[in-house]
Amino acid sequence: MLKSKRPRRMIRGGMALSGCMAALALLGTVWTPYSPTAMSGAEKFAPPSWVHWFGTDQFGRDIFSRVACGVGTTFFIALGTVLIGAVLGILIGAVTGYFGGWIDEALMRLNDALTAFPSILLALVFIALLGFGKYNVILALGVAFIPSYARVVRTEFARHREMTYVRSARLMGASHGRIMLRHILPNTTQVLLPALVIGFNNAVLAEAGMSYLGIGVKAPDVSLGYMLSESQGYMMTAPWYVLCTGAVIVLLILGASLVGEGLQERRGQ
């Protein structure tokens, strides 16, 4: 009984955390206590207070306002990355897994070539070619994430294509597209949903890491990774800067991790 409740609790806890982070991201798009870019020399390194909830940074900018905008940027990049990677990955995986043959061989060799490069390294190559900016980060990470989704979906489609319900659909005259979209794809959700959540989590980590290294989101856009990189130089002067920024990143990743792990455990029961 306890074991059966554990995945449900993990999913609920993760969704609660993710919901709070999503609410903060939404808040940052419509309202912040201060402008995220407004500077004040008189308020440099002000500690957390009722005036500045997370304190201020080295330029007197309100950290809470910047964190709220940064969460929105991270959510936008992670969702865009998952959308590109999942749509193209599902398309490639579905075609190769269902038809097999030379189509499978050709597309999966291309997929293996992309898999040979670490995702971050592949993204760095795209950033070097395309330049900085959040849209280029989305495109770079989205392409880098295609192979993982393609392989997951291919395995499921190859497993389902010879099952009785698929053979029955063929005998009834259903087209290949209808069988793939209406019959097989819905039966892959138990595997695909955890992969999507884990992909979102990996996209958050990748974006934060790239921005931390200075090769991701650039000013005037606000990024949690870039803020964390800035704050490390002031850990002794203004510890609230790194603690508040780091805590938000941890909570964002923890929420998605709990949901993904809970979905995987529920599938295994």
C-alpha atoms as a PDB file:
ATOM      1  CA  MET A   1       0.000   0.000   0.000  1.00  0.00           C
ATOM      2  CA  LEU A   2       2.764   2.426   0.966  1.00  0.00           C
ATOM      3  CA  LYS A   3       4.663   1.567  -2.188  1.00  0.00           C
ATOM      4  CA  SER A   4       1.607   2.266  -4.345  1.00  0.00           C
ATOM      5  CA  LYS A   5       1.104   5.673  -2.699  1.00  0.00           C
ATOM      6  CA  ARG A   6       4.713   6.785  -3.136  1.00  0.00           C
ATOM      7  CA  PRO A   7       4.529   7.632  -6.880  1.00  0.00           C
ATOM      8  CA  ARG A   8       1.280   9.526  -6.335  1.00  0.00           C
ATOM      9  CA  ARG A   9       2.820  11.591  -3.551  1.00  0.00           C
ATOM     10  CA  MET A  10       5.909  12.308  -5.623  1.00  0.00           C
ATOM     11  CA  ILE A  11       3.809  13.446  -8.571  1.00  0.00           C
ATOM     12  CA  ARG A  12       1.634  15.661  -6.375  1.00  0.00           C
ATOM     13  CA  GLY A  13       4.624  17.171  -4.604  1.00  0.00           C
ATOM     14  CA  GLY A  14       6.435  17.756  -7.890  1.00  0.00           C
ATOM     15  CA  MET A  15       3.370  19.314  -9.488  1.00  0.00           C
ATOM     16  CA  ALA A  16       2.906  21.598  -6.482  1.00  0.00           C
ATOM     17  CA  LEU A  17       6.515  22.793  -6.733  1.00  0.00           C
ATOM     18  CA  SER A  18       6.337  23.136 -10.509  1.00  0.00           C
ATOM     19  CA  GLY A  19       3.035  24.975 -10.173  1.00  0.00           C
ATOM     20  CA  CYS A  20       4.607  27.488  -7.782  1.00  0.00           C
ATOM     21  CA  MET A  21       7.501  28.039 -10.182  1.00  0.00           C
ATOM     22  CA  ALA A  22       5.091  28.410 -13.110  1.00  0.00           C
ATOM     23  CA  ALA A  23       3.065  30.943 -11.095  1.00  0.00           C
ATOM     24  CA  LEU A  24       6.260  32.883 -10.368  1.00  0.00           C
ATOM     25  CA  ALA A  25       7.159  32.815 -14.071  1.00  0.00           C
ATOM     26  CA  LEU A  26       3.681  34.039 -15.009  1.00  0.00           C
ATOM     27  CA  LEU A  27       3.897  36.768 -12.378  1.00  0.00           C
ATOM     28  CA  GLY A  28       7.220  37.889 -13.798  1.00  0.00           C
ATOM     29  CA  THR A  29       5.693  38.401 -17.241  1.00  0.00           C
ATOM     30  CA  VAL A  30       2.864  40.653 -16.039  1.00  0.00           C
ATOM     31  CA  TRP A  31       4.158  42.343 -12.863  1.00  0.00           C
ATOM     32  CA  THR A  32       7.290  42.735 -10.763  1.00  0.00           C
ATOM     33  CA  PRO A  33       7.829  45.014  -7.740  1.00  0.00           C
ATOM     34  CA  TYR A  34      10.596  46.834  -9.620  1.00  0.00           C
ATOM     35  CA  SER A  35      11.940  46.891 -13.138  1.00  0.00           C
ATOM     36  CA  PRO A  36      14.407  43.987 -13.490  1.00  0.00           C
ATOM     37  CA  THR A  37      16.897  46.327 -15.150  1.00  0.00           C
ATOM     38  CA  ALA A  38      16.424  49.400 -12.915  1.00  0.00           C
ATOM     39  CA  MET A  39      19.680  50.292 -11.132  1.00  0.00           C
ATOM     40  CA  SER A  40      20.149  52.220  -7.899  1.00  0.00           C
ATOM     41  CA  GLY A  41      23.619  53.094  -6.667  1.00  0.00           C
ATOM     42  CA  ALA A  42      22.262  53.957  -3.217  1.00  0.00           C
ATOM     43  CA  GLU A  43      20.784  50.463  -2.738  1.00  0.00           C
ATOM     44  CA  LYS A  44      23.678  48.244  -3.785  1.00  0.00           C
ATOM     45  CA  PHE A  45      23.800  44.954  -1.877  1.00  0.00           C
ATOM     46  CA  ALA A  46      20.744  45.765   0.228  1.00  0.00           C
ATOM     47  CA  PRO A  47      19.846  42.654   2.299  1.00  0.00           C
ATOM     48  CA  PRO A  48      16.408  40.990   2.035  1.00  0.00           C
ATOM     49  CA  SER A  49      13.658  43.135   3.552  1.00  0.00           C
ATOM     50  CA  TRP A  50      10.029  44.074   3.080  1.00  0.00           C
ATOM     51  CA  VAL A  51      11.201  46.574   0.482  1.00  0.00           C
ATOM     52  CA  HIS A  52      13.389  44.130  -1.471  1.00  0.00           C
ATOM     53  CA  TRP A  53      12.239  40.577  -0.701  1.00  0.00           C
ATOM     54  CA  PHE A  54      15.399  38.893  -2.038  1.00  0.00           C
ATOM     55  CA  GLY A  55      17.684  41.908  -1.536  1.00  0.00           C
ATOM     56  CA  THR A  56      19.539  43.723  -4.310  1.00  0.00           C
ATOM     57  CA  ASP A  57      22.607  42.971  -6.416  1.00  0.00           C
ATOM     58  CA  GLN A  58      25.816  44.864  -7.184  1.00  0.00           C
ATOM     59  CA  PHE A  59      23.938  47.417  -9.280  1.00  0.00           C
ATOM     60  CA  GLY A  60      21.080  47.903  -6.817  1.00  0.00           C
ATOM     61  CA  ARG A  61      18.674  45.866  -8.966  1.00  0.00           C
ATOM     62  CA  ASP A  62      15.864  44.048  -7.176  1.00  0.00           C
ATOM     63  CA  ILE A  63      16.787  40.348  -7.119  1.00  0.00           C
ATOM     64  CA  PHE A  64      13.207  39.080  -6.712  1.00  0.00           C
ATOM     65  CA  SER A  65      12.108  40.978  -9.835  1.00  0.00           C
ATOM     66  CA  ARG A  66      15.047  39.577 -11.777  1.00  0.00           C
ATOM     67  CA  VAL A  67      14.464  36.035 -10.487  1.00  0.00           C
ATOM     68  CA  ALA A  68      10.780  36.202 -11.493  1.00  0.00           C
ATOM     69  CA  CYS A  69      11.768  37.274 -15.017  1.00  0.00           C
ATOM     70  CA  GLY A  70      14.562  34.690 -15.076  1.00  0.00           C
ATOM     71  CA  VAL A  71      12.171  31.856 -14.215  1.00  0.00           C
ATOM     72  CA  GLY A  72       9.945  32.972 -17.092  1.00  0.00           C
ATOM     73  CA  THR A  73      12.914  32.930 -19.477  1.00  0.00           C
ATOM     74  CA  THR A  74      13.945  29.466 -18.270  1.00  0.00           C
ATOM     75  CA  PHE A  75      10.389  28.108 -18.629  1.00  0.00           C
ATOM     76  CA  PHE A  76      10.114  29.561 -22.136  1.00  0.00           C
ATOM     77  CA  ILE A  77      13.426  28.050 -23.228  1.00  0.00           C
ATOM     78  CA  ALA A  78      12.728  24.651 -21.626  1.00  0.00           C
ATOM     79  CA  LEU A  79       9.232  24.385 -23.132  1.00  0.00           C
ATOM     80  CA  GLY A  80      10.480  25.481 -26.550  1.00  0.00           C
ATOM     81  CA  THR A  81      13.313  22.965 -26.368  1.00  0.00           C
ATOM     82  CA  VAL A  82      10.975  20.111 -25.440  1.00  0.00           C
ATOM     83  CA  LEU A  83       8.504  21.136 -28.152  1.00  0.00           C
ATOM     84  CA  ILE A  84      11.119  21.064 -30.924  1.00  0.00           C
ATOM     85  CA  GLY A  85      12.869  17.942 -29.670  1.00  0.00           C
ATOM     86  CA  ALA A  86       9.659  16.027 -28.974  1.00  0.00           C
ATOM     87  CA  VAL A  87       7.790  16.874 -32.188  1.00  0.00           C
ATOM     88  CA  LEU A  88      10.705  16.003 -34.472  1.00  0.00           C
ATOM     89  CA  GLY A  89      11.816  13.096 -32.291  1.00  0.00           C
ATOM     90  CA  ILE A  90       8.319  11.589 -32.191  1.00  0.00           C
ATOM     91  CA  LEU A  91       7.989  11.976 -35.963  1.00  0.00           C
ATOM     92  CA  ILE A  92      11.331  10.264 -36.641  1.00  0.00           C
ATOM     93  CA  GLY A  93      10.749   7.560 -34.032  1.00  0.00           C
ATOM     94  CA  ALA A  94       7.213   6.821 -35.237  1.00  0.00           C
ATOM     95  CA  VAL A  95       8.222   6.493 -38.897  1.00  0.00           C
ATOM     96  CA  THR A  96      11.284   4.341 -38.206  1.00  0.00           C
ATOM     97  CA  GLY A  97       9.584   2.152 -35.612  1.00  0.00           C
ATOM     98  CA  TYR A  98       6.441   1.543 -37.657  1.00  0.00           C
ATOM     99  CA  PHE A  99       7.858   1.029 -41.145  1.00  0.00           C
ATOM    100  CA  GLY A 100      11.314  -0.361 -40.341  1.00  0.00           C
ATOM    101  CA  GLY A 101      13.430  -1.414 -43.332  1.00  0.00           C
ATOM    102  CA  TRP A 102      15.644   1.073 -45.146  1.00  0.00           C
ATOM    103  CA  ILE A 103      13.745   4.040 -43.674  1.00  0.00           C
ATOM    104  CA  ASP A 104      14.602   2.820 -40.201  1.00  0.00           C
ATOM    105  CA  GLU A 105      18.204   2.188 -41.186  1.00  0.00           C
ATOM    106  CA  ALA A 106      18.733   5.613 -42.799  1.00  0.00           C
ATOM    107  CA  LEU A 107      17.025   7.757 -40.158  1.00  0.00           C
ATOM    108  CA  MET A 108      18.442   5.883 -37.179  1.00  0.00           C
ATOM    109  CA  ARG A 109      21.982   6.151 -38.584  1.00  0.00           C
ATOM    110  CA  LEU A 110      21.447   9.910 -38.664  1.00  0.00           C
ATOM    111  CA  ASN A 111      20.043   9.699 -35.153  1.00  0.00           C
ATOM    112  CA  ASP A 112      23.086   7.713 -34.004  1.00  0.00           C
ATOM    113  CA  ALA A 113      25.369  10.348 -35.532  1.00  0.00           C
ATOM    114  CA  LEU A 114      23.669  13.045 -33.456  1.00  0.00           C
ATOM    115  CA  THR A 115      23.754  10.831 -30.365  1.00  0.00           C
ATOM    116  CA  ALA A 116      27.519  10.421 -30.747  1.00  0.00           C
ATOM    117  CA  PHE A 117      27.906  14.048 -29.675  1.00  0.00           C
ATOM    118  CA  PRO A 118      26.998  15.065 -26.093  1.00  0.00           C
ATOM    119  CA  SER A 119      23.864  17.233 -26.115  1.00  0.00           C
ATOM    120  CA  ILE A 120      25.589  20.249 -24.605  1.00  0.00           C
ATOM    121  CA  LEU A 121      28.506  20.002 -27.047  1.00  0.00           C
ATOM    122  CA  LEU A 122      26.108  19.793 -29.980  1.00  0.00           C
ATOM    123  CA  ALA A 123      24.220  22.798 -28.636  1.00  0.00           C
ATOM    124  CA  LEU A 124      27.477  24.733 -28.306  1.00  0.00           C
ATOM    125  CA  VAL A 125      28.239  24.081 -31.966  1.00  0.00           C
ATOM    126  CA  PHE A 126      24.860  25.536 -32.954  1.00  0.00           C
ATOM    127  CA  ILE A 127      25.350  28.541 -30.669  1.00  0.00           C
ATOM    128  CA  ALA A 128      28.771  29.154 -32.223  1.00  0.00           C
ATOM    129  CA  LEU A 129      27.149  29.117 -35.682  1.00  0.00           C
ATOM    130  CA  LEU A 130      23.944  31.002 -34.858  1.00  0.00           C
ATOM    131  CA  GLY A 131      25.078  33.373 -32.097  1.00  0.00           C
ATOM    132  CA  PHE A 132      23.725  34.090 -28.633  1.00  0.00           C
ATOM    133  CA  GLY A 133      20.112  34.727 -27.623  1.00  0.00           C
ATOM    134  CA  LYS A 134      17.265  32.732 -26.146  1.00  0.00           C
ATOM    135  CA  TYR A 135      15.768  31.748 -29.505  1.00  0.00           C
ATOM    136  CA  ASN A 136      19.069  30.345 -30.700  1.00  0.00           C
ATOM    137  CA  VAL A 137      19.427  28.480 -27.395  1.00  0.00           C
ATOM    138  CA  ILE A 138      15.974  26.946 -27.919  1.00  0.00           C
ATOM    139  CA  LEU A 139      16.852  25.859 -31.457  1.00  0.00           C
ATOM    140  CA  ALA A 140      20.247  24.485 -30.433  1.00  0.00           C
ATOM    141  CA  LEU A 141      18.939  22.508 -27.455  1.00  0.00           C
ATOM    142  CA  GLY A 142      15.839  21.370 -29.352  1.00  0.00           C
ATOM    143  CA  VAL A 143      17.938  19.806 -32.114  1.00  0.00           C
ATOM    144  CA  ALA A 144      20.271  18.272 -29.525  1.00  0.00           C
ATOM    145  CA  PHE A 145      17.302  16.628 -27.754  1.00  0.00           C
ATOM    146  CA  ILE A 146      15.798  15.026 -30.873  1.00  0.00           C
ATOM    147  CA  PRO A 147      17.757  11.721 -30.683  1.00  0.00           C
ATOM    148  CA  SER A 148      16.601  10.848 -27.166  1.00  0.00           C
ATOM    149  CA  TYR A 149      12.916  11.216 -28.046  1.00  0.00           C
ATOM    150  CA  ALA A 150      13.342   9.456 -31.398  1.00  0.00           C
ATOM    151  CA  ARG A 151      14.875   6.380 -29.786  1.00  0.00           C
ATOM    152  CA  VAL A 152      12.186   6.128 -27.081  1.00  0.00           C
ATOM    153  CA  VAL A 153       9.322   6.450 -29.573  1.00  0.00           C
ATOM    154  CA  ARG A 154      10.935   4.101 -32.105  1.00  0.00           C
ATOM    155  CA  THR A 155      11.178   1.351 -29.492  1.00  0.00           C
ATOM    156  CA  GLU A 156       7.511   1.705 -28.568  1.00  0.00           C
ATOM    157  CA  PHE A 157       6.239   1.824 -32.160  1.00  0.00           C
ATOM    158  CA  ALA A 158       8.337  -1.206 -33.116  1.00  0.00           C
ATOM    159  CA  ARG A 159       6.860  -3.085 -30.136  1.00  0.00           C
ATOM    160  CA  HIS A 160       3.252  -2.147 -30.902  1.00  0.00           C
ATOM    161  CA  ARG A 161       3.194  -2.512 -34.694  1.00  0.00           C
ATOM    162  CA  GLU A 162       2.689  -6.291 -34.596  1.00  0.00           C
ATOM    163  CA  MET A 163       0.172  -6.333 -31.756  1.00  0.00           C
ATOM    164  CA  THR A 164      -3.326  -7.630 -32.323  1.00  0.00           C
ATOM    165  CA  TYR A 165      -5.107  -4.269 -32.187  1.00  0.00           C
ATOM    166  CA  VAL A 166      -2.794  -2.841 -34.870  1.00  0.00           C
ATOM    167  CA  ARG A 167      -3.293  -5.882 -37.139  1.00  0.00           C
ATOM    168  CA  SER A 168      -7.046  -5.562 -36.689  1.00  0.00           C
ATOM    169  CA  ALA A 169      -6.904  -1.895 -37.670  1.00  0.00           C
ATOM    170  CA  ARG A 170      -4.992  -2.821 -40.832  1.00  0.00           C
ATOM    171  CA  LEU A 171      -7.543  -5.501 -41.748  1.00  0.00           C
ATOM    172  CA  MET A 172     -10.323  -2.935 -41.316  1.00  0.00           C
ATOM    173  CA  GLY A 173      -8.627  -0.720 -43.902  1.00  0.00           C
ATOM    174  CA  ALA A 174      -7.173   1.961 -41.617  1.00  0.00           C
ATOM    175  CA  SER A 175      -4.399   3.999 -43.221  1.00  0.00           C
ATOM    176  CA  HIS A 176      -0.859   3.960 -41.874  1.00  0.00           C
ATOM    177  CA  GLY A 177      -1.214   7.543 -40.672  1.00  0.00           C
ATOM    178  CA  ARG A 178      -4.424   6.775 -38.793  1.00  0.00           C
ATOM    179  CA  ILE A 179      -2.934   3.675 -37.185  1.00  0.00           C
ATOM    180  CA  MET A 180       0.152   5.587 -36.065  1.00  0.00           C
ATOM    181  CA  LEU A 181      -1.717   8.662 -34.807  1.00  0.00           C
ATOM    182  CA  ARG A 182      -4.959   7.235 -33.442  1.00  0.00           C
ATOM    183  CA  HIS A 183      -3.940   3.761 -32.305  1.00  0.00           C
ATOM    184  CA  ILE A 184      -0.243   3.439 -31.472  1.00  0.00           C
ATOM    185  CA  LEU A 185       0.708   6.962 -30.302  1.00  0.00           C
ATOM    186  CA  PRO A 186      -1.878   7.089 -27.452  1.00  0.00           C
ATOM    187  CA  ASN A 187      -0.495   3.772 -26.185  1.00  0.00           C
ATOM    188  CA  THR A 188       2.993   5.240 -25.854  1.00  0.00           C
ATOM    189  CA  THR A 189       1.997   7.930 -23.351  1.00  0.00           C
ATOM    190  CA  GLN A 190       3.123   5.913 -20.314  1.00  0.00           C
ATOM    191  CA  VAL A 191       6.654   5.967 -21.692  1.00  0.00           C
ATOM    192  CA  LEU A 192       6.494   9.331 -23.438  1.00  0.00           C
ATOM    193  CA  LEU A 193       5.186  11.432 -20.528  1.00  0.00           C
ATOM    194  CA  PRO A 194       8.146  10.690 -18.204  1.00  0.00           C
ATOM    195  CA  ALA A 195      10.500  11.320 -21.144  1.00  0.00           C
ATOM    196  CA  LEU A 196       8.902  14.730 -21.735  1.00  0.00           C
ATOM    197  CA  VAL A 197       9.190  15.691 -18.069  1.00  0.00           C
ATOM    198  CA  ILE A 198      12.797  14.510 -17.871  1.00  0.00           C
ATOM    199  CA  GLY A 199      13.501  16.408 -21.095  1.00  0.00           C
ATOM    200  CA  PHE A 200      12.086  19.583 -19.534  1.00  0.00           C
ATOM    201  CA  ASN A 201      14.313  19.043 -16.508  1.00  0.00           C
ATOM    202  CA  ASN A 202      17.379  18.492 -18.697  1.00  0.00           C
ATOM    203  CA  ALA A 203      16.550  21.599 -20.713  1.00  0.00           C
ATOM    204  CA  VAL A 204      16.431  23.693 -17.526  1.00  0.00           C
ATOM    205  CA  LEU A 205      19.812  22.316 -16.472  1.00  0.00           C
ATOM    206  CA  ALA A 206      21.300  22.836 -19.931  1.00  0.00           C
ATOM    207  CA  GLU A 207      20.065  26.420 -20.233  1.00  0.00           C
ATOM    208  CA  ALA A 208      21.243  27.298 -16.732  1.00  0.00           C
ATOM    209  CA  GLY A 209      24.621  25.720 -17.407  1.00  0.00           C
ATOM    210  CA  MET A 210      25.088  27.476 -20.740  1.00  0.00           C
ATOM    211  CA  SER A 211      24.046  30.854 -19.348  1.00  0.00           C
ATOM    212  CA  TYR A 212      26.275  30.299 -16.314  1.00  0.00           C
ATOM    213  CA  LEU A 213      29.211  29.821 -18.688  1.00  0.00           C
ATOM    214  CA  GLY A 214      28.241  32.956 -20.601  1.00  0.00           C
ATOM    215  CA  ILE A 215      27.249  31.202 -23.822  1.00  0.00           C
ATOM    216  CA  GLY A 216      23.488  31.186 -23.406  1.00  0.00           C
ATOM    217  CA  VAL A 217      21.047  33.993 -22.692  1.00  0.00           C
ATOM    218  CA  LYS A 218      22.569  37.467 -22.774  1.00  0.00           C
ATOM    219  CA  ALA A 219      21.464  40.881 -21.504  1.00  0.00           C
ATOM    220  CA  PRO A 220      18.956  42.495 -21.671  1.00  0.00           C
ATOM    221  CA  ASP A 221      17.217  39.130 -21.186  1.00  0.00           C
ATOM    222  CA  VAL A 222      17.360  37.853 -17.607  1.00  0.00           C
ATOM    223  CA  SER A 223      18.528  34.293 -16.975  1.00  0.00           C
ATOM    224  CA  LEU A 224      18.857  32.345 -13.734  1.00  0.00           C
ATOM    225  CA  GLY A 225      22.101  30.771 -14.931  1.00  0.00           C
ATOM    226  CA  TYR A 226      23.624  34.135 -15.778  1.00  0.00           C
ATOM    227  CA  MET A 227      22.490  35.554 -12.409  1.00  0.00           C
ATOM    228  CA  LEU A 228      24.097  32.600 -10.626  1.00  0.00           C
ATOM    229  CA  SER A 229      27.328  33.246 -12.502  1.00  0.00           C
ATOM    230  CA  GLU A 230      27.220  36.897 -11.469  1.00  0.00           C
ATOM    231  CA  SER A 231      26.407  36.134  -7.846  1.00  0.00           C
ATOM    232  CA  GLN A 232      29.324  33.779  -7.227  1.00  0.00           C
ATOM    233  CA  GLY A 233      31.689  36.740  -7.056  1.00  0.00           C
ATOM    234  CA  TYR A 234      29.718  38.231  -4.172  1.00  0.00           C
ATOM    235  CA  MET A 235      29.151  35.192  -1.952  1.00  0.00           C
ATOM    236  CA  MET A 236      30.807  36.879   1.024  1.00  0.00           C
ATOM    237  CA  THR A 237      29.482  40.383   0.340  1.00  0.00           C
ATOM    238  CA  ALA A 238      25.902  39.453  -0.532  1.00  0.00           C
ATOM    239  CA  PRO A 239      25.232  35.760   0.180  1.00  0.00           C
ATOM    240  CA  TRP A 240      21.489  36.266  -0.361  1.00  0.00           C
ATOM    241  CA  TYR A 241      22.164  36.828  -4.067  1.00  0.00           C
ATOM    242  CA  VAL A 242      23.554  33.358  -4.713  1.00  0.00           C
ATOM    243  CA  LEU A 243      21.277  31.659  -2.156  1.00  0.00           C
ATOM    244  CA  CYS A 244      18.009  33.058  -3.537  1.00  0.00           C
ATOM    245  CA  THR A 245      18.968  32.488  -7.172  1.00  0.00           C
ATOM    246  CA  GLY A 246      20.336  28.998  -6.498  1.00  0.00           C
ATOM    247  CA  ALA A 247      17.311  28.019  -4.399  1.00  0.00           C
ATOM    248  CA  VAL A 248      14.909  28.905  -7.217  1.00  0.00           C
ATOM    249  CA  ILE A 249      16.929  26.838  -9.711  1.00  0.00           C
ATOM    250  CA  VAL A 250      16.979  23.877  -7.292  1.00  0.00           C
ATOM    251  CA  LEU A 251      13.220  24.081  -6.659  1.00  0.00           C
ATOM    252  CA  LEU A 252      12.491  24.313 -10.383  1.00  0.00           C
ATOM    253  CA  ILE A 253      14.595  21.231 -11.116  1.00  0.00           C
ATOM    254  CA  LEU A 254      13.313  19.354  -8.045  1.00  0.00           C
ATOM    255  CA  GLY A 255       9.678  19.821  -9.052  1.00  0.00           C
ATOM    256  CA  ALA A 256      10.215  18.382 -12.534  1.00  0.00           C
ATOM    257  CA  SER A 257      12.411  15.584 -11.149  1.00  0.00           C
ATOM    258  CA  LEU A 258       9.741  14.471  -8.672  1.00  0.00           C
ATOM    259  CA  VAL A 259       7.059  14.387 -11.356  1.00  0.00           C
ATOM    260  CA  GLY A 260       9.288  12.453 -13.762  1.00  0.00           C
ATOM    261  CA  GLU A 261      10.412   9.927 -11.168  1.00  0.00           C
ATOM    262  CA  GLY A 262       6.863   9.488  -9.891  1.00  0.00           C
ATOM    263  CA  LEU A 263       5.593   8.772 -13.404  1.00  0.00           C
ATOM    264  CA  GLN A 264       8.348   6.223 -13.954  1.00  0.00           C
ATOM    265  CA  GLU A 265       7.627   4.453 -10.650  1.00  0.00           C
ATOM    266  CA  ARG A 266       3.876   4.370 -11.363  1.00  0.00           C
ATOM    267  CA  ARG A 267       4.566   2.859 -14.777  1.00  0.00           C
ATOM    268  CA  GLY A 268       6.715   0.151 -13.194  1.00  0.00           C
ATOM    269  CA  GLN A 269       4.040  -0.946 -10.729  1.00  0.00           C
END
